[in-house]
PDB file of N, CA and C in Angstrom:
ATOM      1  N   UNK A   1      43.278  34.435 -37.455  1.00  0.00           N
ATOM      2  CA  UNK A   1      43.606  33.268 -36.592  1.00  0.00           C
ATOM      3  C   UNK A   1      42.399  32.370 -36.565  1.00  0.00           C
ATOM      4  N   UNK A   2      42.432  31.047 -36.571  1.00  0.00           N
ATOM      5  CA  UNK A   2      41.494  30.193 -36.587  1.00  0.00           C
ATOM      6  C   UNK A   2      40.898  30.149 -34.891  1.00  0.00           C
ATOM      7  N   UNK A   3      39.551  29.870 -34.870  1.00  0.00           N
ATOM      8  CA  UNK A   3      38.965  29.709 -33.589  1.00  0.00           C
ATOM      9  C   UNK A   3      39.399  28.296 -33.095  1.00  0.00           C
ATOM     10  N   UNK A   4      39.694  28.254 -31.819  1.00  0.00           N
ATOM     11  CA  UNK A   4      40.005  26.934 -31.092  1.00  0.00           C
ATOM     12  C   UNK A   4      38.780  26.221 -30.815  1.00  0.00           C
ATOM     13  N   UNK A   5      38.757  24.964 -31.165  1.00  0.00           N
ATOM     14  CA  UNK A   5      37.572  24.106 -31.076  1.00  0.00           C
ATOM     15  C   UNK A   5      37.648  23.253 -29.906  1.00  0.00           C
ATOM     16  N   UNK A   6      36.542  23.430 -28.980  1.00  0.00           N
ATOM     17  CA  UNK A   6      36.515  22.606 -27.703  1.00  0.00           C
ATOM     18  C   UNK A   6      35.782  21.225 -27.968  1.00  0.00           C
ATOM     19  N   UNK A   7      36.426  20.105 -27.506  1.00  0.00           N
ATOM     20  CA  UNK A   7      35.689  18.849 -27.717  1.00  0.00           C
ATOM     21  C   UNK A   7      35.115  18.533 -26.414  1.00  0.00           C
ATOM     22  N   UNK A   8      34.017  17.760 -26.732  1.00  0.00           N
ATOM     23  CA  UNK A   8      33.219  17.268 -25.521  1.00  0.00           C
ATOM     24  C   UNK A   8      33.861  16.067 -24.720  1.00  0.00           C
ATOM     25  N   UNK A   9      33.713  16.095 -23.436  1.00  0.00           N
ATOM     26  CA  UNK A   9      34.320  14.997 -22.719  1.00  0.00           C
ATOM     27  C   UNK A   9      33.601  13.725 -22.963  1.00  0.00           C
ATOM     28  N   UNK A  10      34.390  12.683 -23.201  1.00  0.00           N
ATOM     29  CA  UNK A  10      33.981  11.458 -23.510  1.00  0.00           C
ATOM     30  C   UNK A  10      33.218  10.787 -22.240  1.00  0.00           C
ATOM     31  N   UNK A  11      31.989  10.015 -22.484  1.00  0.00           N
ATOM     32  CA  UNK A  11      31.514   9.388 -21.429  1.00  0.00           C
ATOM     33  C   UNK A  11      31.664   7.875 -21.527  1.00  0.00           C
ATOM     34  N   UNK A  12      32.145   7.327 -20.564  1.00  0.00           N
ATOM     35  CA  UNK A  12      32.468   5.756 -20.579  1.00  0.00           C
ATOM     36  C   UNK A  12      31.257   5.004 -19.924  1.00  0.00           C
ATOM     37  N   UNK A  13      30.132   5.709 -19.722  1.00  0.00           N
ATOM     38  CA  UNK A  13      29.045   5.046 -19.246  1.00  0.00           C
ATOM     39  C   UNK A  13      27.796   5.612 -19.882  1.00  0.00           C
ATOM     40  N   UNK A  14      26.727   4.809 -19.881  1.00  0.00           N
ATOM     41  CA  UNK A  14      25.448   5.358 -20.441  1.00  0.00           C
ATOM     42  C   UNK A  14      24.768   6.448 -19.564  1.00  0.00           C
ATOM     43  N   UNK A  15      24.276   7.361 -20.243  1.00  0.00           N
ATOM     44  CA  UNK A  15      23.611   8.317 -19.539  1.00  0.00           C
ATOM     45  C   UNK A  15      22.207   7.796 -19.124  1.00  0.00           C
ATOM     46  N   UNK A  16      21.887   8.122 -17.900  1.00  0.00           N
ATOM     47  CA  UNK A  16      20.609   7.477 -17.278  1.00  0.00           C
ATOM     48  C   UNK A  16      19.475   8.360 -17.955  1.00  0.00           C
ATOM     49  N   UNK A  17      18.443   7.378 -18.100  1.00  0.00           N
ATOM     50  CA  UNK A  17      17.331   8.103 -18.771  1.00  0.00           C
ATOM     51  C   UNK A  17      16.351   8.786 -17.758  1.00  0.00           C
ATOM     52  N   UNK A  18      15.717   9.708 -17.968  1.00  0.00           N
ATOM     53  CA  UNK A  18      14.878  10.450 -17.028  1.00  0.00           C
ATOM     54  C   UNK A  18      13.462   9.784 -17.307  1.00  0.00           C
ATOM     55  N   UNK A  19      12.878   9.579 -16.137  1.00  0.00           N
ATOM     56  CA  UNK A  19      11.570   8.885 -16.120  1.00  0.00           C
ATOM     57  C   UNK A  19      10.470   9.985 -15.640  1.00  0.00           C
ATOM     58  N   UNK A  20       9.432   9.838 -16.171  1.00  0.00           N
ATOM     59  CA  UNK A  20       8.175  10.616 -15.806  1.00  0.00           C
ATOM     60  C   UNK A  20       7.604   9.983 -14.597  1.00  0.00           C
ATOM     61  N   UNK A  21       7.636  10.625 -13.477  1.00  0.00           N
ATOM     62  CA  UNK A  21       6.869   9.963 -12.247  1.00  0.00           C
ATOM     63  C   UNK A  21       5.492  10.022 -12.338  1.00  0.00           C
ATOM     64  N   UNK A  22       4.838   8.957 -12.044  1.00  0.00           N
ATOM     65  CA  UNK A  22       3.404   8.753 -12.252  1.00  0.00           C
ATOM     66  C   UNK A  22       2.912   8.268 -10.850  1.00  0.00           C
ATOM     67  N   UNK A  23       1.703   8.523 -10.478  1.00  0.00           N
ATOM     68  CA  UNK A  23       1.097   8.074  -9.298  1.00  0.00           C
ATOM     69  C   UNK A  23       0.609   6.532  -9.478  1.00  0.00           C
ATOM     70  N   UNK A  24       1.045   5.821  -8.618  1.00  0.00           N
ATOM     71  CA  UNK A  24       0.650   4.297  -8.678  1.00  0.00           C
ATOM     72  C   UNK A  24      -0.138   3.997  -7.305  1.00  0.00           C
ATOM     73  N   UNK A  25      -0.897   3.055  -7.396  1.00  0.00           N
ATOM     74  CA  UNK A  25      -1.584   2.445  -6.204  1.00  0.00           C
ATOM     75  C   UNK A  25      -1.084   1.158  -5.892  1.00  0.00           C
ATOM     76  N   UNK A  26      -0.401   0.878  -4.824  1.00  0.00           N
ATOM     77  CA  UNK A  26      -0.027  -0.461  -4.446  1.00  0.00           C
ATOM     78  C   UNK A  26      -1.171  -1.195  -3.925  1.00  0.00           C
ATOM     79  N   UNK A  27      -1.581  -2.237  -4.676  1.00  0.00           N
ATOM     80  CA  UNK A  27      -2.809  -3.079  -4.343  1.00  0.00           C
ATOM     81  C   UNK A  27      -2.544  -3.919  -3.207  1.00  0.00           C
ATOM     82  N   UNK A  28      -1.379  -4.414  -2.817  1.00  0.00           N
ATOM     83  CA  UNK A  28      -1.180  -5.271  -1.703  1.00  0.00           C
ATOM     84  C   UNK A  28      -1.563  -4.726  -0.343  1.00  0.00           C
ATOM     85  N   UNK A  29      -0.910  -3.520  -0.059  1.00  0.00           N
ATOM     86  CA  UNK A  29      -1.345  -2.967   1.274  1.00  0.00           C
ATOM     87  C   UNK A  29      -2.721  -2.440   1.316  1.00  0.00           C
ATOM     88  N   UNK A  30      -3.204  -1.885   0.181  1.00  0.00           N
ATOM     89  CA  UNK A  30      -4.662  -1.300   0.063  1.00  0.00           C
ATOM     90  C   UNK A  30      -5.643  -2.500   0.399  1.00  0.00           C
ATOM     91  N   UNK A  31      -5.367  -3.710  -0.380  1.00  0.00           N
ATOM     92  CA  UNK A  31      -6.263  -4.819   0.088  1.00  0.00           C
ATOM     93  C   UNK A  31      -6.062  -5.306   1.344  1.00  0.00           C
ATOM     94  N   UNK A  32      -4.993  -5.101   1.960  1.00  0.00           N
ATOM     95  CA  UNK A  32      -4.890  -5.508   3.432  1.00  0.00           C
ATOM     96  C   UNK A  32      -5.743  -4.692   4.378  1.00  0.00           C
ATOM     97  N   UNK A  33      -5.727  -3.308   4.167  1.00  0.00           N
ATOM     98  CA  UNK A  33      -6.460  -2.507   4.878  1.00  0.00           C
ATOM     99  C   UNK A  33      -7.981  -2.627   4.609  1.00  0.00           C
ATOM    100  N   UNK A  34      -8.302  -2.966   3.379  1.00  0.00           N
ATOM    101  CA  UNK A  34      -9.837  -3.261   3.157  1.00  0.00           C
ATOM    102  C   UNK A  34     -10.067  -4.569   3.881  1.00  0.00           C
ATOM    103  N   UNK A  35      -9.251  -5.558   3.871  1.00  0.00           N
ATOM    104  CA  UNK A  35      -9.574  -6.738   4.561  1.00  0.00           C
ATOM    105  C   UNK A  35      -9.700  -6.639   5.971  1.00  0.00           C
ATOM    106  N   UNK A  36      -8.916  -5.686   6.671  1.00  0.00           N
ATOM    107  CA  UNK A  36      -9.022  -5.261   8.072  1.00  0.00           C
ATOM    108  C   UNK A  36     -10.421  -4.782   8.393  1.00  0.00           C
ATOM    109  N   UNK A  37     -10.908  -3.856   7.536  1.00  0.00           N
ATOM    110  CA  UNK A  37     -12.232  -3.185   7.819  1.00  0.00           C
ATOM    111  C   UNK A  37     -13.476  -3.800   7.146  1.00  0.00           C
ATOM    112  N   UNK A  38     -13.160  -4.773   6.475  1.00  0.00           N
ATOM    113  CA  UNK A  38     -14.335  -5.389   5.643  1.00  0.00           C
ATOM    114  C   UNK A  38     -15.476  -5.798   6.456  1.00  0.00           C
ATOM    115  N   UNK A  39     -15.317  -6.528   7.648  1.00  0.00           N
ATOM    116  CA  UNK A  39     -16.375  -6.912   8.319  1.00  0.00           C
ATOM    117  C   UNK A  39     -17.207  -5.726   8.971  1.00  0.00           C
ATOM    118  N   UNK A  40     -16.467  -4.736   9.329  1.00  0.00           N
ATOM    119  CA  UNK A  40     -17.057  -3.451   9.838  1.00  0.00           C
ATOM    120  C   UNK A  40     -18.006  -2.873   8.650  1.00  0.00           C
ATOM    121  N   UNK A  41     -17.476  -2.738   7.644  1.00  0.00           N
ATOM    122  CA  UNK A  41     -18.224  -2.079   6.400  1.00  0.00           C
ATOM    123  C   UNK A  41     -19.442  -2.941   6.037  1.00  0.00           C
ATOM    124  N   UNK A  42     -19.208  -4.286   6.131  1.00  0.00           N
ATOM    125  CA  UNK A  42     -20.291  -5.158   5.783  1.00  0.00           C
ATOM    126  C   UNK A  42     -21.419  -5.103   6.831  1.00  0.00           C
ATOM    127  N   UNK A  43     -21.138  -5.183   7.980  1.00  0.00           N
ATOM    128  CA  UNK A  43     -22.146  -4.977   9.099  1.00  0.00           C
ATOM    129  C   UNK A  43     -22.872  -3.562   9.137  1.00  0.00           C
ATOM    130  N   UNK A  44     -22.013  -2.474   8.635  1.00  0.00           N
ATOM    131  CA  UNK A  44     -22.714  -1.214   8.724  1.00  0.00           C
ATOM    132  C   UNK A  44     -23.582  -1.083   7.452  1.00  0.00           C
ATOM    133  N   UNK A  45     -23.393  -1.732   6.227  1.00  0.00           N
ATOM    134  CA  UNK A  45     -24.109  -1.772   5.141  1.00  0.00           C
ATOM    135  C   UNK A  45     -25.480  -2.599   5.391  1.00  0.00           C
ATOM    136  N   UNK A  46     -25.310  -3.688   6.180  1.00  0.00           N
ATOM    137  CA  UNK A  46     -26.406  -4.524   6.449  1.00  0.00           C
ATOM    138  C   UNK A  46     -27.298  -3.876   7.662  1.00  0.00           C
ATOM    139  N   UNK A  47     -26.949  -2.864   8.233  1.00  0.00           N
ATOM    140  CA  UNK A  47     -27.663  -2.159   9.256  1.00  0.00           C
ATOM    141  C   UNK A  47     -27.627  -2.829  10.620  1.00  0.00           C
ATOM    142  N   UNK A  48     -26.561  -3.542  10.819  1.00  0.00           N
ATOM    143  CA  UNK A  48     -26.340  -4.203  12.126  1.00  0.00           C
ATOM    144  C   UNK A  48     -25.826  -3.114  13.152  1.00  0.00           C
ATOM    145  N   UNK A  49     -25.222  -2.080  12.717  1.00  0.00           N
ATOM    146  CA  UNK A  49     -24.747  -0.873  13.536  1.00  0.00           C
ATOM    147  C   UNK A  49     -25.764   0.138  13.572  1.00  0.00           C
ATOM    148  N   UNK A  50     -26.272   0.625  14.665  1.00  0.00           N
ATOM    149  CA  UNK A  50     -27.223   1.707  14.608  1.00  0.00           C
ATOM    150  C   UNK A  50     -26.509   3.074  14.463  1.00  0.00           C
ATOM    151  N   UNK A  51     -25.433   3.325  15.327  1.00  0.00           N
ATOM    152  CA  UNK A  51     -24.894   4.558  15.298  1.00  0.00           C
ATOM    153  C   UNK A  51     -23.452   4.359  14.725  1.00  0.00           C
ATOM    154  N   UNK A  52     -22.854   5.445  14.255  1.00  0.00           N
ATOM    155  CA  UNK A  52     -21.572   5.309  13.677  1.00  0.00           C
ATOM    156  C   UNK A  52     -20.445   5.255  14.680  1.00  0.00           C
ATOM    157  N   UNK A  53     -20.836   5.526  15.922  1.00  0.00           N
ATOM    158  CA  UNK A  53     -19.820   5.208  17.064  1.00  0.00           C
ATOM    159  C   UNK A  53     -19.331   3.841  17.325  1.00  0.00           C
ATOM    160  N   UNK A  54     -20.319   2.966  17.052  1.00  0.00           N
ATOM    161  CA  UNK A  54     -20.114   1.512  17.232  1.00  0.00           C
ATOM    162  C   UNK A  54     -19.280   1.072  16.085  1.00  0.00           C
ATOM    163  N   UNK A  55     -19.433   1.542  14.898  1.00  0.00           N
ATOM    164  CA  UNK A  55     -18.525   1.171  13.781  1.00  0.00           C
ATOM    165  C   UNK A  55     -17.046   1.714  13.996  1.00  0.00           C
ATOM    166  N   UNK A  56     -17.089   3.038  14.478  1.00  0.00           N
ATOM    167  CA  UNK A  56     -15.717   3.390  14.709  1.00  0.00           C
ATOM    168  C   UNK A  56     -15.007   2.724  15.961  1.00  0.00           C
ATOM    169  N   UNK A  57     -15.820   2.395  16.950  1.00  0.00           N
ATOM    170  CA  UNK A  57     -15.215   1.592  18.014  1.00  0.00           C
ATOM    171  C   UNK A  57     -14.772   0.249  17.561  1.00  0.00           C
ATOM    172  N   UNK A  58     -15.512  -0.346  16.623  1.00  0.00           N
ATOM    173  CA  UNK A  58     -14.992  -1.629  16.139  1.00  0.00           C
ATOM    174  C   UNK A  58     -13.701  -1.592  15.406  1.00  0.00           C
ATOM    175  N   UNK A  59     -13.735  -0.497  14.574  1.00  0.00           N
ATOM    176  CA  UNK A  59     -12.458  -0.328  13.820  1.00  0.00           C
ATOM    177  C   UNK A  59     -11.181   0.103  14.630  1.00  0.00           C
ATOM    178  N   UNK A  60     -11.482   0.769  15.847  1.00  0.00           N
ATOM    179  CA  UNK A  60     -10.448   0.972  16.703  1.00  0.00           C
ATOM    180  C   UNK A  60      -9.932  -0.222  17.390  1.00  0.00           C
ATOM    181  N   UNK A  61     -10.922  -1.043  17.693  1.00  0.00           N
ATOM    182  CA  UNK A  61     -10.571  -2.428  18.453  1.00  0.00           C
ATOM    183  C   UNK A  61      -9.688  -3.153  17.454  1.00  0.00           C
ATOM    184  N   UNK A  62     -10.049  -3.215  16.198  1.00  0.00           N
ATOM    185  CA  UNK A  62      -9.258  -4.017  15.317  1.00  0.00           C
ATOM    186  C   UNK A  62      -7.945  -3.455  15.064  1.00  0.00           C
ATOM    187  N   UNK A  63      -7.615  -2.130  15.177  1.00  0.00           N
ATOM    188  CA  UNK A  63      -6.320  -1.650  14.831  1.00  0.00           C
ATOM    189  C   UNK A  63      -5.530  -1.612  16.172  1.00  0.00           C
ATOM    190  N   UNK A  64      -6.106  -1.335  17.348  1.00  0.00           N
ATOM    191  CA  UNK A  64      -5.221  -1.119  18.466  1.00  0.00           C
ATOM    192  C   UNK A  64      -5.353  -2.398  19.438  1.00  0.00           C
ATOM    193  N   UNK A  65      -6.459  -3.195  19.296  1.00  0.00           N
ATOM    194  CA  UNK A  65      -6.656  -4.156  20.175  1.00  0.00           C
ATOM    195  C   UNK A  65      -7.267  -3.922  21.584  1.00  0.00           C
ATOM    196  N   UNK A  66      -7.553  -2.654  21.715  1.00  0.00           N
ATOM    197  CA  UNK A  66      -8.155  -2.131  23.041  1.00  0.00           C
ATOM    198  C   UNK A  66      -9.659  -1.820  22.792  1.00  0.00           C
ATOM    199  N   UNK A  67     -10.437  -2.533  23.797  1.00  0.00           N
ATOM    200  CA  UNK A  67     -11.937  -2.284  23.814  1.00  0.00           C
ATOM    201  C   UNK A  67     -12.226  -1.139  24.727  1.00  0.00           C
ATOM    202  N   UNK A  68     -12.516  -0.142  24.188  1.00  0.00           N
ATOM    203  CA  UNK A  68     -12.871   1.055  25.026  1.00  0.00           C
ATOM    204  C   UNK A  68     -14.101   0.841  25.924  1.00  0.00           C
ATOM    205  N   UNK A  69     -15.086   0.085  25.526  1.00  0.00           N
ATOM    206  CA  UNK A  69     -16.335  -0.005  26.385  1.00  0.00           C
ATOM    207  C   UNK A  69     -16.111  -0.946  27.587  1.00  0.00           C
ATOM    208  N   UNK A  70     -15.324  -2.068  27.255  1.00  0.00           N
ATOM    209  CA  UNK A  70     -15.127  -3.135  28.325  1.00  0.00           C
ATOM    210  C   UNK A  70     -13.714  -2.746  29.065  1.00  0.00           C
ATOM    211  N   UNK A  71     -13.019  -1.830  28.542  1.00  0.00           N
ATOM    212  CA  UNK A  71     -11.715  -1.466  29.045  1.00  0.00           C
ATOM    213  C   UNK A  71     -10.711  -2.698  29.179  1.00  0.00           C
ATOM    214  N   UNK A  72     -10.678  -3.577  28.070  1.00  0.00           N
ATOM    215  CA  UNK A  72      -9.837  -4.661  27.930  1.00  0.00           C
ATOM    216  C   UNK A  72      -9.003  -4.639  26.751  1.00  0.00           C
ATOM    217  N   UNK A  73      -7.992  -5.435  26.739  1.00  0.00           N
ATOM    218  CA  UNK A  73      -7.065  -5.467  25.667  1.00  0.00           C
ATOM    219  C   UNK A  73      -7.062  -6.854  25.121  1.00  0.00           C
ATOM    220  N   UNK A  74      -7.166  -7.118  23.850  1.00  0.00           N
ATOM    221  CA  UNK A  74      -7.172  -8.416  23.372  1.00  0.00           C
ATOM    222  C   UNK A  74      -6.134  -8.584  22.153  1.00  0.00           C
ATOM    223  N   UNK A  75      -5.405  -9.521  22.342  1.00  0.00           N
ATOM    224  CA  UNK A  75      -4.296  -9.839  21.246  1.00  0.00           C
ATOM    225  C   UNK A  75      -4.986 -10.434  19.964  1.00  0.00           C
ATOM    226  N   UNK A  76      -6.003 -11.072  20.244  1.00  0.00           N
ATOM    227  CA  UNK A  76      -6.715 -11.762  19.150  1.00  0.00           C
ATOM    228  C   UNK A  76      -7.304 -10.673  18.218  1.00  0.00           C
ATOM    229  N   UNK A  77      -8.010  -9.774  18.698  1.00  0.00           N
ATOM    230  CA  UNK A  77      -8.517  -8.651  17.918  1.00  0.00           C
ATOM    231  C   UNK A  77      -7.493  -7.858  17.155  1.00  0.00           C
ATOM    232  N   UNK A  78      -6.272  -7.643  17.903  1.00  0.00           N
ATOM    233  CA  UNK A  78      -5.104  -6.929  17.285  1.00  0.00           C
ATOM    234  C   UNK A  78      -4.739  -7.726  16.104  1.00  0.00           C
ATOM    235  N   UNK A  79      -4.502  -8.996  16.302  1.00  0.00           N
ATOM    236  CA  UNK A  79      -3.871  -9.844  15.179  1.00  0.00           C
ATOM    237  C   UNK A  79      -4.839  -9.861  14.056  1.00  0.00           C
ATOM    238  N   UNK A  80      -6.331 -10.017  14.273  1.00  0.00           N
ATOM    239  CA  UNK A  80      -7.231 -10.068  13.250  1.00  0.00           C
ATOM    240  C   UNK A  80      -7.253  -8.799  12.427  1.00  0.00           C
ATOM    241  N   UNK A  81      -6.817  -7.598  13.023  1.00  0.00           N
ATOM    242  CA  UNK A  81      -6.746  -6.414  12.394  1.00  0.00           C
ATOM    243  C   UNK A  81      -5.489  -6.170  11.588  1.00  0.00           C
ATOM    244  N   UNK A  82      -4.373  -6.566  12.270  1.00  0.00           N
ATOM    245  CA  UNK A  82      -3.079  -6.259  11.710  1.00  0.00           C
ATOM    246  C   UNK A  82      -2.660  -7.413  10.688  1.00  0.00           C
ATOM    247  N   UNK A  83      -3.033  -8.643  10.758  1.00  0.00           N
ATOM    248  CA  UNK A  83      -2.670  -9.780   9.881  1.00  0.00           C
ATOM    249  C   UNK A  83      -2.919  -9.433   8.471  1.00  0.00           C
ATOM    250  N   UNK A  84      -4.033  -9.022   8.101  1.00  0.00           N
ATOM    251  CA  UNK A  84      -4.210  -8.759   6.498  1.00  0.00           C
ATOM    252  C   UNK A  84      -3.363  -7.628   6.053  1.00  0.00           C
ATOM    253  N   UNK A  85      -3.090  -6.609   6.919  1.00  0.00           N
ATOM    254  CA  UNK A  85      -2.236  -5.353   6.581  1.00  0.00           C
ATOM    255  C   UNK A  85      -0.761  -5.862   6.358  1.00  0.00           C
ATOM    256  N   UNK A  86      -0.295  -6.698   7.279  1.00  0.00           N
ATOM    257  CA  UNK A  86       1.039  -7.136   7.188  1.00  0.00           C
ATOM    258  C   UNK A  86       1.173  -8.075   6.092  1.00  0.00           C
ATOM    259  N   UNK A  87       0.242  -9.007   5.783  1.00  0.00           N
ATOM    260  CA  UNK A  87       0.316  -9.919   4.597  1.00  0.00           C
ATOM    261  C   UNK A  87       0.378  -9.072   3.245  1.00  0.00           C
ATOM    262  N   UNK A  88      -0.540  -7.979   3.225  1.00  0.00           N
ATOM    263  CA  UNK A  88      -0.521  -7.290   1.987  1.00  0.00           C
ATOM    264  C   UNK A  88       0.818  -6.538   1.688  1.00  0.00           C
ATOM    265  N   UNK A  89       1.340  -5.962   2.850  1.00  0.00           N
ATOM    266  CA  UNK A  89       2.700  -5.297   2.728  1.00  0.00           C
ATOM    267  C   UNK A  89       3.732  -6.168   2.321  1.00  0.00           C
ATOM    268  N   UNK A  90       3.619  -7.565   2.940  1.00  0.00           N
ATOM    269  CA  UNK A  90       4.708  -8.525   2.449  1.00  0.00           C
ATOM    270  C   UNK A  90       4.535  -8.956   1.015  1.00  0.00           C
ATOM    271  N   UNK A  91       3.318  -9.121   0.655  1.00  0.00           N
ATOM    272  CA  UNK A  91       3.028  -9.446  -0.852  1.00  0.00           C
ATOM    273  C   UNK A  91       3.550  -8.305  -1.801  1.00  0.00           C
ATOM    274  N   UNK A  92       3.377  -7.126  -1.366  1.00  0.00           N
ATOM    275  CA  UNK A  92       3.866  -6.004  -2.218  1.00  0.00           C
ATOM    276  C   UNK A  92       5.373  -5.967  -2.222  1.00  0.00           C
ATOM    277  N   UNK A  93       6.100  -6.311  -1.093  1.00  0.00           N
ATOM    278  CA  UNK A  93       7.566  -6.344  -1.111  1.00  0.00           C
ATOM    279  C   UNK A  93       8.024  -7.476  -1.922  1.00  0.00           C
ATOM    280  N   UNK A  94       7.395  -8.659  -1.840  1.00  0.00           N
ATOM    281  CA  UNK A  94       7.747  -9.778  -2.520  1.00  0.00           C
ATOM    282  C   UNK A  94       7.624  -9.589  -4.001  1.00  0.00           C
ATOM    283  N   UNK A  95       6.527  -8.861  -4.431  1.00  0.00           N
ATOM    284  CA  UNK A  95       6.256  -8.555  -5.906  1.00  0.00           C
ATOM    285  C   UNK A  95       7.257  -7.510  -6.411  1.00  0.00           C
ATOM    286  N   UNK A  96       7.808  -6.808  -5.532  1.00  0.00           N
ATOM    287  CA  UNK A  96       8.726  -5.843  -6.006  1.00  0.00           C
ATOM    288  C   UNK A  96      10.097  -6.467  -6.212  1.00  0.00           C
ATOM    289  N   UNK A  97      10.484  -7.487  -5.374  1.00  0.00           N
ATOM    290  CA  UNK A  97      11.702  -8.130  -5.461  1.00  0.00           C
ATOM    291  C   UNK A  97      11.639  -9.149  -6.574  1.00  0.00           C
ATOM    292  N   UNK A  98      10.543  -9.661  -6.966  1.00  0.00           N
ATOM    293  CA  UNK A  98      10.402 -10.581  -8.152  1.00  0.00           C
ATOM    294  C   UNK A  98      10.326  -9.883  -9.421  1.00  0.00           C
ATOM    295  N   UNK A  99      10.125  -8.585  -9.478  1.00  0.00           N
ATOM    296  CA  UNK A  99      10.085  -7.699 -10.609  1.00  0.00           C
ATOM    297  C   UNK A  99       8.661  -7.622 -11.255  1.00  0.00           C
ATOM    298  N   UNK A 100       7.692  -8.061 -10.477  1.00  0.00           N
ATOM    299  CA  UNK A 100       6.294  -7.923 -11.096  1.00  0.00           C
ATOM    300  C   UNK A 100       5.916  -6.552 -11.257  1.00  0.00           C
ATOM    301  N   UNK A 101       6.241  -5.630 -10.349  1.00  0.00           N
ATOM    302  CA  UNK A 101       5.908  -4.211 -10.662  1.00  0.00           C
ATOM    303  C   UNK A 101       6.527  -3.572 -11.623  1.00  0.00           C
ATOM    304  N   UNK A 102       7.819  -3.932 -11.940  1.00  0.00           N
ATOM    305  CA  UNK A 102       8.539  -3.517 -13.204  1.00  0.00           C
ATOM    306  C   UNK A 102       7.978  -3.951 -14.444  1.00  0.00           C
ATOM    307  N   UNK A 103       7.489  -5.177 -14.399  1.00  0.00           N
ATOM    308  CA  UNK A 103       6.820  -5.734 -15.614  1.00  0.00           C
ATOM    309  C   UNK A 103       5.570  -5.062 -15.826  1.00  0.00           C
ATOM    310  N   UNK A 104       4.721  -4.821 -14.809  1.00  0.00           N
ATOM    311  CA  UNK A 104       3.583  -4.147 -15.092  1.00  0.00           C
ATOM    312  C   UNK A 104       3.850  -2.577 -15.488  1.00  0.00           C
ATOM    313  N   UNK A 105       4.932  -2.074 -15.105  1.00  0.00           N
ATOM    314  CA  UNK A 105       5.274  -0.802 -15.506  1.00  0.00           C
ATOM    315  C   UNK A 105       5.693  -0.761 -17.181  1.00  0.00           C
ATOM    316  N   UNK A 106       6.342  -1.737 -17.560  1.00  0.00           N
ATOM    317  CA  UNK A 106       6.830  -1.969 -18.912  1.00  0.00           C
ATOM    318  C   UNK A 106       5.642  -2.238 -19.776  1.00  0.00           C
ATOM    319  N   UNK A 107       4.511  -2.893 -19.298  1.00  0.00           N
ATOM    320  CA  UNK A 107       3.400  -3.360 -20.013  1.00  0.00           C
ATOM    321  C   UNK A 107       2.464  -2.120 -20.181  1.00  0.00           C
ATOM    322  N   UNK A 108       2.747  -0.927 -19.375  1.00  0.00           N
ATOM    323  CA  UNK A 108       2.022   0.218 -19.586  1.00  0.00           C
ATOM    324  C   UNK A 108       0.679  -0.011 -18.822  1.00  0.00           C
ATOM    325  N   UNK A 109       0.605  -0.733 -17.761  1.00  0.00           N
ATOM    326  CA  UNK A 109      -0.566  -0.847 -17.003  1.00  0.00           C
ATOM    327  C   UNK A 109      -0.711   0.339 -16.239  1.00  0.00           C
ATOM    328  N   UNK A 110      -1.922   1.059 -16.309  1.00  0.00           N
ATOM    329  CA  UNK A 110      -1.981   2.309 -15.621  1.00  0.00           C
ATOM    330  C   UNK A 110      -2.453   2.224 -14.147  1.00  0.00           C
ATOM    331  N   UNK A 111      -1.699   2.991 -13.241  1.00  0.00           N
ATOM    332  CA  UNK A 111      -1.941   3.168 -11.844  1.00  0.00           C
ATOM    333  C   UNK A 111      -1.726   2.026 -11.020  1.00  0.00           C
ATOM    334  N   UNK A 112      -1.874   0.742 -11.290  1.00  0.00           N
ATOM    335  CA  UNK A 112      -1.762  -0.444 -10.441  1.00  0.00           C
ATOM    336  C   UNK A 112      -0.488  -1.040 -10.451  1.00  0.00           C
ATOM    337  N   UNK A 113      -0.105  -1.245  -9.117  1.00  0.00           N
ATOM    338  CA  UNK A 113       1.027  -2.171  -8.929  1.00  0.00           C
ATOM    339  C   UNK A 113       0.617  -3.142  -7.817  1.00  0.00           C
ATOM    340  N   UNK A 114       1.375  -4.180  -7.646  1.00  0.00           N
ATOM    341  CA  UNK A 114       1.083  -5.198  -6.721  1.00  0.00           C
ATOM    342  C   UNK A 114       1.667  -4.793  -5.451  1.00  0.00           C
TER     343      UNK A 114
END
């Protein structure tokens, strides 16, 4: 007796391709964070801050808006710290919506995304 042959099920859709996941660096949010802390880094490299505590205090003021030495809260300092971060995140989201990141991936640009 002949063996019964099994047929494969027909697919009416394309099989999704498997992709290799790679580590990418989103440049928009990273540049926003660097923009937030750039004045502190610049002043530290110029030697205007004697101790590291004053540099950490300055960074804390920029992120939280609260000055621990004077015990005051300032919205302007908070805005100056978070505005570059939010702008970088918005640029990253807009670039993803426009397809810039996908175009960079197709062009085989390593590590970088907007």
